[in-house]
Amino acid sequence: MSLENCQADSLLMRRAPPVVLLAAVLLGAPALAQRVAEKPPALVPAYLPREVAFLTFFQNGNITPELRIAWHIPVVQQRIDSLNLIIEGGGGWAVGKRSVTNENADPPVTELHQWHILGGIAYEGDWAQGWHVGGRITAGVTIFGGNYVNPIFGGPPIHEDTSTAGTVEGRLEGGYRVGRVVIGLTVGVAQPWSKDPRLYSPNDIGGFSGGLFFNWR
C-alpha cells in the first residue's frame, strides 16, 4: 500500500466520527421534532399544583377523609409517559371513629387528625385512546394528634398533643383523560415508621386508602 493511500485512509478515519455524528443527528431530528410537537405546553406554571385528590383512609377502626394537593416536576418526559418528582401535602379529620376498645387495648377515639408533607417519585403513562395509569412512592412526615376515652372508668379524657412521625406511602392510579385533565381512581397504603409507644394516636394514622383524583399538566 502506498504512502498516499495510507494518508488518505488516515484522513478518512479522522473525518468519519463527525460525519457519523451528523448523520445520527439528522436521522433523529424528525423523531425529536415529532416528540416536541406532540408535547403540549403546560396548563399551569410549574409553581402551581398539578393534581388534587380526595382520599379516604381506613385504619384501626377509623375512617379519615383527606384532601391532597400535589406538584409534579418532570424529570424524564417522553411522548406517552413521564417520570416526575412529586411534592404532596394535605390531610383531614376522622369522621368515623373507633367506638370501643379493640383487641390491642386502644381506647375509643373522640377526635383524630393527620396532615402529611411528602416527596418522592411518580410515573405517569398516557395513551392516545385517553387511558392513564400511574404510580408513586413518597416519604415524609405526618403531623397528627387525637383525643381518647380513658380506659379507666371515670377517668378524665386522654388528650394527645400534636406529634410527628416519619411516613412512607405508595399509590397506584388509573383514569381517563378528558381534554387536558385526567379523572380517575387511586388506591394505596401509608405507613408511619417512627411510632412513640407511649401514644395511642400513631396506631390510628395512615392505613389503606382509596379515592378520586384530578390531574392536569
C-alpha atoms as a PDB file:
ATOM      1  CA  MET A   1       0.000   0.000   0.000  1.00  0.00           C
ATOM      2  CA  SER A   2       1.425   3.386  -0.998  1.00  0.00           C
ATOM      3  CA  LEU A   3       2.091   6.227   1.420  1.00  0.00           C
ATOM      4  CA  GLU A   4      -0.535   8.335  -0.346  1.00  0.00           C
ATOM      5  CA  ASN A   5      -3.234   5.670   0.266  1.00  0.00           C
ATOM      6  CA  CYS A   6      -2.310   5.394   3.935  1.00  0.00           C
ATOM      7  CA  GLN A   7      -2.563   9.151   4.341  1.00  0.00           C
ATOM      8  CA  ALA A   8      -5.936   9.160   2.578  1.00  0.00           C
ATOM      9  CA  ASP A   9      -7.240   6.365   4.829  1.00  0.00           C
ATOM     10  CA  SER A  10      -5.996   8.190   7.923  1.00  0.00           C
ATOM     11  CA  LEU A  11      -7.735  11.391   6.834  1.00  0.00           C
ATOM     12  CA  LEU A  12     -10.974   9.480   6.208  1.00  0.00           C
ATOM     13  CA  MET A  13     -10.843   7.883   9.654  1.00  0.00           C
ATOM     14  CA  ARG A  14     -10.360  11.276  11.284  1.00  0.00           C
ATOM     15  CA  ARG A  15     -13.346  12.684   9.428  1.00  0.00           C
ATOM     16  CA  ALA A  16     -15.635   9.671   9.934  1.00  0.00           C
ATOM     17  CA  PRO A  17     -16.737  10.309  13.575  1.00  0.00           C
ATOM     18  CA  PRO A  18     -18.088  13.829  12.870  1.00  0.00           C
ATOM     19  CA  VAL A  19     -19.866  12.553   9.759  1.00  0.00           C
ATOM     20  CA  VAL A  20     -21.443   9.661  11.674  1.00  0.00           C
ATOM     21  CA  LEU A  21     -22.495  12.031  14.455  1.00  0.00           C
ATOM     22  CA  LEU A  22     -24.046  14.458  11.980  1.00  0.00           C
ATOM     23  CA  ALA A  23     -25.899  11.613  10.253  1.00  0.00           C
ATOM     24  CA  ALA A  24     -27.277  10.385  13.594  1.00  0.00           C
ATOM     25  CA  VAL A  25     -28.456  13.884  14.470  1.00  0.00           C
ATOM     26  CA  LEU A  26     -30.156  14.330  11.099  1.00  0.00           C
ATOM     27  CA  LEU A  27     -31.827  10.913  11.281  1.00  0.00           C
ATOM     28  CA  GLY A  28     -33.057  11.575  14.824  1.00  0.00           C
ATOM     29  CA  ALA A  29     -34.267  15.104  14.169  1.00  0.00           C
ATOM     30  CA  PRO A  30     -37.683  14.123  12.702  1.00  0.00           C
ATOM     31  CA  ALA A  31     -38.458  11.882  15.681  1.00  0.00           C
ATOM     32  CA  LEU A  32     -37.340  14.590  18.104  1.00  0.00           C
ATOM     33  CA  ALA A  33     -39.416  17.180  16.267  1.00  0.00           C
ATOM     34  CA  GLN A  34     -42.449  14.888  16.391  1.00  0.00           C
ATOM     35  CA  ARG A  35     -41.963  14.276  20.129  1.00  0.00           C
ATOM     36  CA  VAL A  36     -41.645  18.004  20.842  1.00  0.00           C
ATOM     37  CA  ALA A  37     -44.652  18.771  18.640  1.00  0.00           C
ATOM     38  CA  GLU A  38     -46.791  16.192  20.429  1.00  0.00           C
ATOM     39  CA  LYS A  39     -45.934  17.536  23.894  1.00  0.00           C
ATOM     40  CA  PRO A  40     -48.402  20.366  24.536  1.00  0.00           C
ATOM     41  CA  PRO A  41     -47.475  23.321  26.741  1.00  0.00           C
ATOM     42  CA  ALA A  42     -48.307  23.043  30.428  1.00  0.00           C
ATOM     43  CA  LEU A  43     -51.722  24.268  31.519  1.00  0.00           C
ATOM     44  CA  VAL A  44     -50.303  25.998  34.591  1.00  0.00           C
ATOM     45  CA  PRO A  45     -46.860  27.290  35.633  1.00  0.00           C
ATOM     46  CA  ALA A  46     -44.568  24.842  37.423  1.00  0.00           C
ATOM     47  CA  TYR A  47     -45.070  26.592  40.764  1.00  0.00           C
ATOM     48  CA  LEU A  48     -48.819  25.857  40.792  1.00  0.00           C
ATOM     49  CA  PRO A  49     -50.312  22.467  41.814  1.00  0.00           C
ATOM     50  CA  ARG A  50     -50.990  19.958  39.058  1.00  0.00           C
ATOM     51  CA  GLU A  51     -53.116  17.475  40.974  1.00  0.00           C
ATOM     52  CA  VAL A  52     -55.830  17.311  43.596  1.00  0.00           C
ATOM     53  CA  ALA A  53     -57.060  14.101  45.219  1.00  0.00           C
ATOM     54  CA  PHE A  54     -59.887  13.256  47.598  1.00  0.00           C
ATOM     55  CA  LEU A  55     -58.785  10.219  49.622  1.00  0.00           C
ATOM     56  CA  THR A  56     -60.308   8.183  52.434  1.00  0.00           C
ATOM     57  CA  PHE A  57     -58.067   6.308  54.877  1.00  0.00           C
ATOM     58  CA  PHE A  58     -59.126   3.208  56.809  1.00  0.00           C
ATOM     59  CA  GLN A  59     -57.023   2.375  59.848  1.00  0.00           C
ATOM     60  CA  ASN A  60     -57.632   0.660  63.175  1.00  0.00           C
ATOM     61  CA  GLY A  61     -61.401   1.207  63.118  1.00  0.00           C
ATOM     62  CA  ASN A  62     -61.174   4.856  61.973  1.00  0.00           C
ATOM     63  CA  ILE A  63     -62.231   6.476  58.713  1.00  0.00           C
ATOM     64  CA  THR A  64     -60.400   9.680  57.753  1.00  0.00           C
ATOM     65  CA  PRO A  65     -61.162  11.622  54.551  1.00  0.00           C
ATOM     66  CA  GLU A  66     -58.284  13.731  53.255  1.00  0.00           C
ATOM     67  CA  LEU A  67     -57.705  16.438  50.680  1.00  0.00           C
ATOM     68  CA  ARG A  68     -54.337  16.192  48.919  1.00  0.00           C
ATOM     69  CA  ILE A  69     -52.635  18.717  46.617  1.00  0.00           C
ATOM     70  CA  ALA A  70     -49.541  17.805  44.589  1.00  0.00           C
ATOM     71  CA  TRP A  71     -46.873  19.450  42.464  1.00  0.00           C
ATOM     72  CA  HIS A  72     -45.285  17.463  39.591  1.00  0.00           C
ATOM     73  CA  ILE A  73     -41.789  18.294  38.331  1.00  0.00           C
ATOM     74  CA  PRO A  74     -40.925  16.345  35.131  1.00  0.00           C
ATOM     75  CA  VAL A  75     -37.542  14.590  35.175  1.00  0.00           C
ATOM     76  CA  VAL A  76     -37.908  12.438  32.057  1.00  0.00           C
ATOM     77  CA  GLN A  77     -40.625  13.441  29.573  1.00  0.00           C
ATOM     78  CA  GLN A  78     -41.429  11.037  26.722  1.00  0.00           C
ATOM     79  CA  ARG A  79     -44.189  11.064  24.135  1.00  0.00           C
ATOM     80  CA  ILE A  80     -46.670   8.976  26.137  1.00  0.00           C
ATOM     81  CA  ASP A  81     -45.154   8.719  29.598  1.00  0.00           C
ATOM     82  CA  SER A  82     -43.082  10.642  32.108  1.00  0.00           C
ATOM     83  CA  LEU A  83     -41.097  10.259  35.308  1.00  0.00           C
ATOM     84  CA  ASN A  84     -41.681  13.084  37.777  1.00  0.00           C
ATOM     85  CA  LEU A  85     -40.549  14.335  41.114  1.00  0.00           C
ATOM     86  CA  ILE A  86     -43.631  14.887  43.251  1.00  0.00           C
ATOM     87  CA  ILE A  87     -44.303  17.048  46.292  1.00  0.00           C
ATOM     88  CA  GLU A  88     -47.624  16.401  48.019  1.00  0.00           C
ATOM     89  CA  GLY A  89     -49.392  17.754  51.073  1.00  0.00           C
ATOM     90  CA  GLY A  90     -52.751  17.592  52.796  1.00  0.00           C
ATOM     91  CA  GLY A  91     -54.748  15.851  55.472  1.00  0.00           C
ATOM     92  CA  GLY A  92     -58.015  15.755  57.358  1.00  0.00           C
ATOM     93  CA  TRP A  93     -60.019  14.773  60.430  1.00  0.00           C
ATOM     94  CA  ALA A  94     -61.586  11.400  61.163  1.00  0.00           C
ATOM     95  CA  VAL A  95     -65.332  11.244  60.545  1.00  0.00           C
ATOM     96  CA  GLY A  96     -65.678   7.586  61.528  1.00  0.00           C
ATOM     97  CA  LYS A  97     -64.062   6.949  64.915  1.00  0.00           C
ATOM     98  CA  ARG A  98     -63.444   3.741  66.832  1.00  0.00           C
ATOM     99  CA  SER A  99     -66.190   3.486  69.457  1.00  0.00           C
ATOM    100  CA  VAL A 100     -64.929   0.554  71.547  1.00  0.00           C
ATOM    101  CA  THR A 101     -61.615  -0.611  72.962  1.00  0.00           C
ATOM    102  CA  ASN A 102     -60.069  -3.020  70.468  1.00  0.00           C
ATOM    103  CA  GLU A 103     -58.011  -6.169  70.939  1.00  0.00           C
ATOM    104  CA  ASN A 104     -54.809  -4.080  71.156  1.00  0.00           C
ATOM    105  CA  ALA A 105     -56.241  -2.134  74.106  1.00  0.00           C
ATOM    106  CA  ASP A 106     -56.583   1.051  72.026  1.00  0.00           C
ATOM    107  CA  PRO A 107     -59.447   3.026  73.636  1.00  0.00           C
ATOM    108  CA  PRO A 108     -62.367   4.692  71.808  1.00  0.00           C
ATOM    109  CA  VAL A 109     -61.484   7.777  69.760  1.00  0.00           C
ATOM    110  CA  THR A 110     -63.245  11.107  70.217  1.00  0.00           C
ATOM    111  CA  GLU A 111     -61.076  13.168  67.817  1.00  0.00           C
ATOM    112  CA  LEU A 112     -58.288  12.310  65.358  1.00  0.00           C
ATOM    113  CA  HIS A 113     -56.424  14.393  62.792  1.00  0.00           C
ATOM    114  CA  GLN A 114     -53.464  13.810  60.475  1.00  0.00           C
ATOM    115  CA  TRP A 115     -51.597  16.010  57.996  1.00  0.00           C
ATOM    116  CA  HIS A 116     -48.839  14.955  55.630  1.00  0.00           C
ATOM    117  CA  ILE A 117     -45.907  16.559  53.820  1.00  0.00           C
ATOM    118  CA  LEU A 118     -44.444  14.042  51.356  1.00  0.00           C
ATOM    119  CA  GLY A 119     -41.992  13.948  48.494  1.00  0.00           C
ATOM    120  CA  GLY A 120     -40.872  11.258  46.089  1.00  0.00           C
ATOM    121  CA  ILE A 121     -41.079   9.986  42.539  1.00  0.00           C
ATOM    122  CA  ALA A 122     -44.066   9.260  40.293  1.00  0.00           C
ATOM    123  CA  TYR A 123     -44.621   7.569  36.925  1.00  0.00           C
ATOM    124  CA  GLU A 124     -47.426   8.604  34.556  1.00  0.00           C
ATOM    125  CA  GLY A 125     -48.433   6.974  31.278  1.00  0.00           C
ATOM    126  CA  ASP A 126     -50.998   8.412  28.839  1.00  0.00           C
ATOM    127  CA  TRP A 127     -52.217   6.622  25.726  1.00  0.00           C
ATOM    128  CA  ALA A 128     -53.742   8.104  22.591  1.00  0.00           C
ATOM    129  CA  GLN A 129     -57.074   6.428  23.411  1.00  0.00           C
ATOM    130  CA  GLY A 130     -57.232   8.567  26.566  1.00  0.00           C
ATOM    131  CA  TRP A 131     -56.336   5.952  29.198  1.00  0.00           C
ATOM    132  CA  HIS A 132     -54.000   6.916  32.006  1.00  0.00           C
ATOM    133  CA  VAL A 133     -52.045   4.794  34.518  1.00  0.00           C
ATOM    134  CA  GLY A 134     -49.567   5.804  37.166  1.00  0.00           C
ATOM    135  CA  GLY A 135     -47.886   5.055  40.430  1.00  0.00           C
ATOM    136  CA  ARG A 136     -45.853   6.814  43.090  1.00  0.00           C
ATOM    137  CA  ILE A 137     -43.743   6.217  46.150  1.00  0.00           C
ATOM    138  CA  THR A 138     -43.253   9.051  48.603  1.00  0.00           C
ATOM    139  CA  ALA A 139     -41.836   9.609  52.066  1.00  0.00           C
ATOM    140  CA  GLY A 140     -42.003  12.447  54.533  1.00  0.00           C
ATOM    141  CA  VAL A 141     -43.570  13.490  57.788  1.00  0.00           C
ATOM    142  CA  THR A 142     -47.068  13.114  59.264  1.00  0.00           C
ATOM    143  CA  ILE A 143     -48.320  15.618  61.839  1.00  0.00           C
ATOM    144  CA  PHE A 144     -51.068  14.094  63.972  1.00  0.00           C
ATOM    145  CA  GLY A 145     -52.906  14.045  67.264  1.00  0.00           C
ATOM    146  CA  GLY A 146     -56.052  12.761  68.939  1.00  0.00           C
ATOM    147  CA  ASN A 147     -58.342  12.535  71.938  1.00  0.00           C
ATOM    148  CA  TYR A 148     -59.494   9.314  73.605  1.00  0.00           C
ATOM    149  CA  VAL A 149     -61.898   7.966  76.174  1.00  0.00           C
ATOM    150  CA  ASN A 150     -59.992   6.997  79.308  1.00  0.00           C
ATOM    151  CA  PRO A 151     -59.949   3.176  79.600  1.00  0.00           C
ATOM    152  CA  ILE A 152     -60.125   3.626  83.370  1.00  0.00           C
ATOM    153  CA  PHE A 153     -63.798   4.011  84.312  1.00  0.00           C
ATOM    154  CA  GLY A 154     -64.494   7.535  85.485  1.00  0.00           C
ATOM    155  CA  GLY A 155     -61.038   8.785  84.482  1.00  0.00           C
ATOM    156  CA  PRO A 156     -60.536  12.092  82.614  1.00  0.00           C
ATOM    157  CA  PRO A 157     -60.399  12.066  78.802  1.00  0.00           C
ATOM    158  CA  ILE A 158     -56.968  11.452  77.299  1.00  0.00           C
ATOM    159  CA  HIS A 159     -55.580  14.281  75.181  1.00  0.00           C
ATOM    160  CA  GLU A 160     -52.563  13.590  72.991  1.00  0.00           C
ATOM    161  CA  ASP A 161     -50.766  16.704  71.801  1.00  0.00           C
ATOM    162  CA  THR A 162     -49.719  17.122  68.196  1.00  0.00           C
ATOM    163  CA  SER A 163     -46.811  14.814  67.329  1.00  0.00           C
ATOM    164  CA  THR A 164     -44.828  13.908  64.219  1.00  0.00           C
ATOM    165  CA  ALA A 165     -43.807  10.615  62.627  1.00  0.00           C
ATOM    166  CA  GLY A 166     -41.871   9.633  59.534  1.00  0.00           C
ATOM    167  CA  THR A 167     -44.181   8.114  56.929  1.00  0.00           C
ATOM    168  CA  VAL A 168     -43.841   6.231  53.647  1.00  0.00           C
ATOM    169  CA  GLU A 169     -46.739   5.996  51.175  1.00  0.00           C
ATOM    170  CA  GLY A 170     -47.345   4.170  47.907  1.00  0.00           C
ATOM    171  CA  ARG A 171     -50.260   4.667  45.499  1.00  0.00           C
ATOM    172  CA  LEU A 172     -51.454   3.299  42.157  1.00  0.00           C
ATOM    173  CA  GLU A 173     -53.842   5.145  39.886  1.00  0.00           C
ATOM    174  CA  GLY A 174     -55.879   4.663  36.750  1.00  0.00           C
ATOM    175  CA  GLY A 175     -58.145   7.005  34.860  1.00  0.00           C
ATOM    176  CA  TYR A 176     -59.222   8.593  31.605  1.00  0.00           C
ATOM    177  CA  ARG A 177     -58.119  11.849  30.049  1.00  0.00           C
ATOM    178  CA  VAL A 178     -60.833  14.334  29.130  1.00  0.00           C
ATOM    179  CA  GLY A 179     -59.183  17.135  27.193  1.00  0.00           C
ATOM    180  CA  ARG A 180     -56.112  18.019  29.271  1.00  0.00           C
ATOM    181  CA  VAL A 181     -57.465  16.706  32.590  1.00  0.00           C
ATOM    182  CA  VAL A 182     -57.242  13.124  33.875  1.00  0.00           C
ATOM    183  CA  ILE A 183     -60.086  11.919  36.096  1.00  0.00           C
ATOM    184  CA  GLY A 184     -59.525   8.625  37.841  1.00  0.00           C
ATOM    185  CA  LEU A 185     -59.331   6.369  40.874  1.00  0.00           C
ATOM    186  CA  THR A 186     -56.386   5.772  43.182  1.00  0.00           C
ATOM    187  CA  VAL A 187     -55.603   3.175  45.852  1.00  0.00           C
ATOM    188  CA  GLY A 188     -52.684   2.995  48.233  1.00  0.00           C
ATOM    189  CA  VAL A 189     -51.256   2.477  51.681  1.00  0.00           C
ATOM    190  CA  ALA A 190     -49.460   4.809  54.100  1.00  0.00           C
ATOM    191  CA  GLN A 191     -47.345   3.550  56.986  1.00  0.00           C
ATOM    192  CA  PRO A 192     -45.654   5.573  59.740  1.00  0.00           C
ATOM    193  CA  TRP A 193     -42.308   4.036  60.702  1.00  0.00           C
ATOM    194  CA  SER A 194     -41.362   6.028  63.815  1.00  0.00           C
ATOM    195  CA  LYS A 195     -44.077   5.429  66.402  1.00  0.00           C
ATOM    196  CA  ASP A 196     -43.972   6.579  70.008  1.00  0.00           C
ATOM    197  CA  PRO A 197     -45.094   3.516  72.026  1.00  0.00           C
ATOM    198  CA  ARG A 198     -46.394   5.790  74.784  1.00  0.00           C
ATOM    199  CA  LEU A 199     -49.116   7.202  72.472  1.00  0.00           C
ATOM    200  CA  TYR A 200     -52.325   5.719  71.069  1.00  0.00           C
ATOM    201  CA  SER A 201     -52.634   8.009  68.028  1.00  0.00           C
ATOM    202  CA  PRO A 202     -49.696   6.617  65.975  1.00  0.00           C
ATOM    203  CA  ASN A 203     -51.675   3.380  65.649  1.00  0.00           C
ATOM    204  CA  ASP A 204     -54.607   5.304  64.156  1.00  0.00           C
ATOM    205  CA  ILE A 205     -52.898   7.230  61.339  1.00  0.00           C
ATOM    206  CA  GLY A 206     -52.155   6.111  57.780  1.00  0.00           C
ATOM    207  CA  GLY A 207     -53.560   2.779  56.617  1.00  0.00           C
ATOM    208  CA  PHE A 208     -55.221   1.744  53.371  1.00  0.00           C
ATOM    209  CA  SER A 209     -56.671   4.460  51.159  1.00  0.00           C
ATOM    210  CA  GLY A 210     -58.862   4.914  48.123  1.00  0.00           C
ATOM    211  CA  GLY A 211     -60.281   7.891  46.343  1.00  0.00           C
ATOM    212  CA  LEU A 212     -60.738  10.139  43.339  1.00  0.00           C
ATOM    213  CA  PHE A 213     -58.068  12.309  41.705  1.00  0.00           C
ATOM    214  CA  PHE A 214     -57.843  15.047  39.086  1.00  0.00           C
ATOM    215  CA  ASN A 215     -54.536  15.570  37.253  1.00  0.00           C
ATOM    216  CA  TRP A 216     -53.632  18.219  34.708  1.00  0.00           C
ATOM    217  CA  ARG A 217     -50.333  19.180  33.066  1.00  0.00           C
END
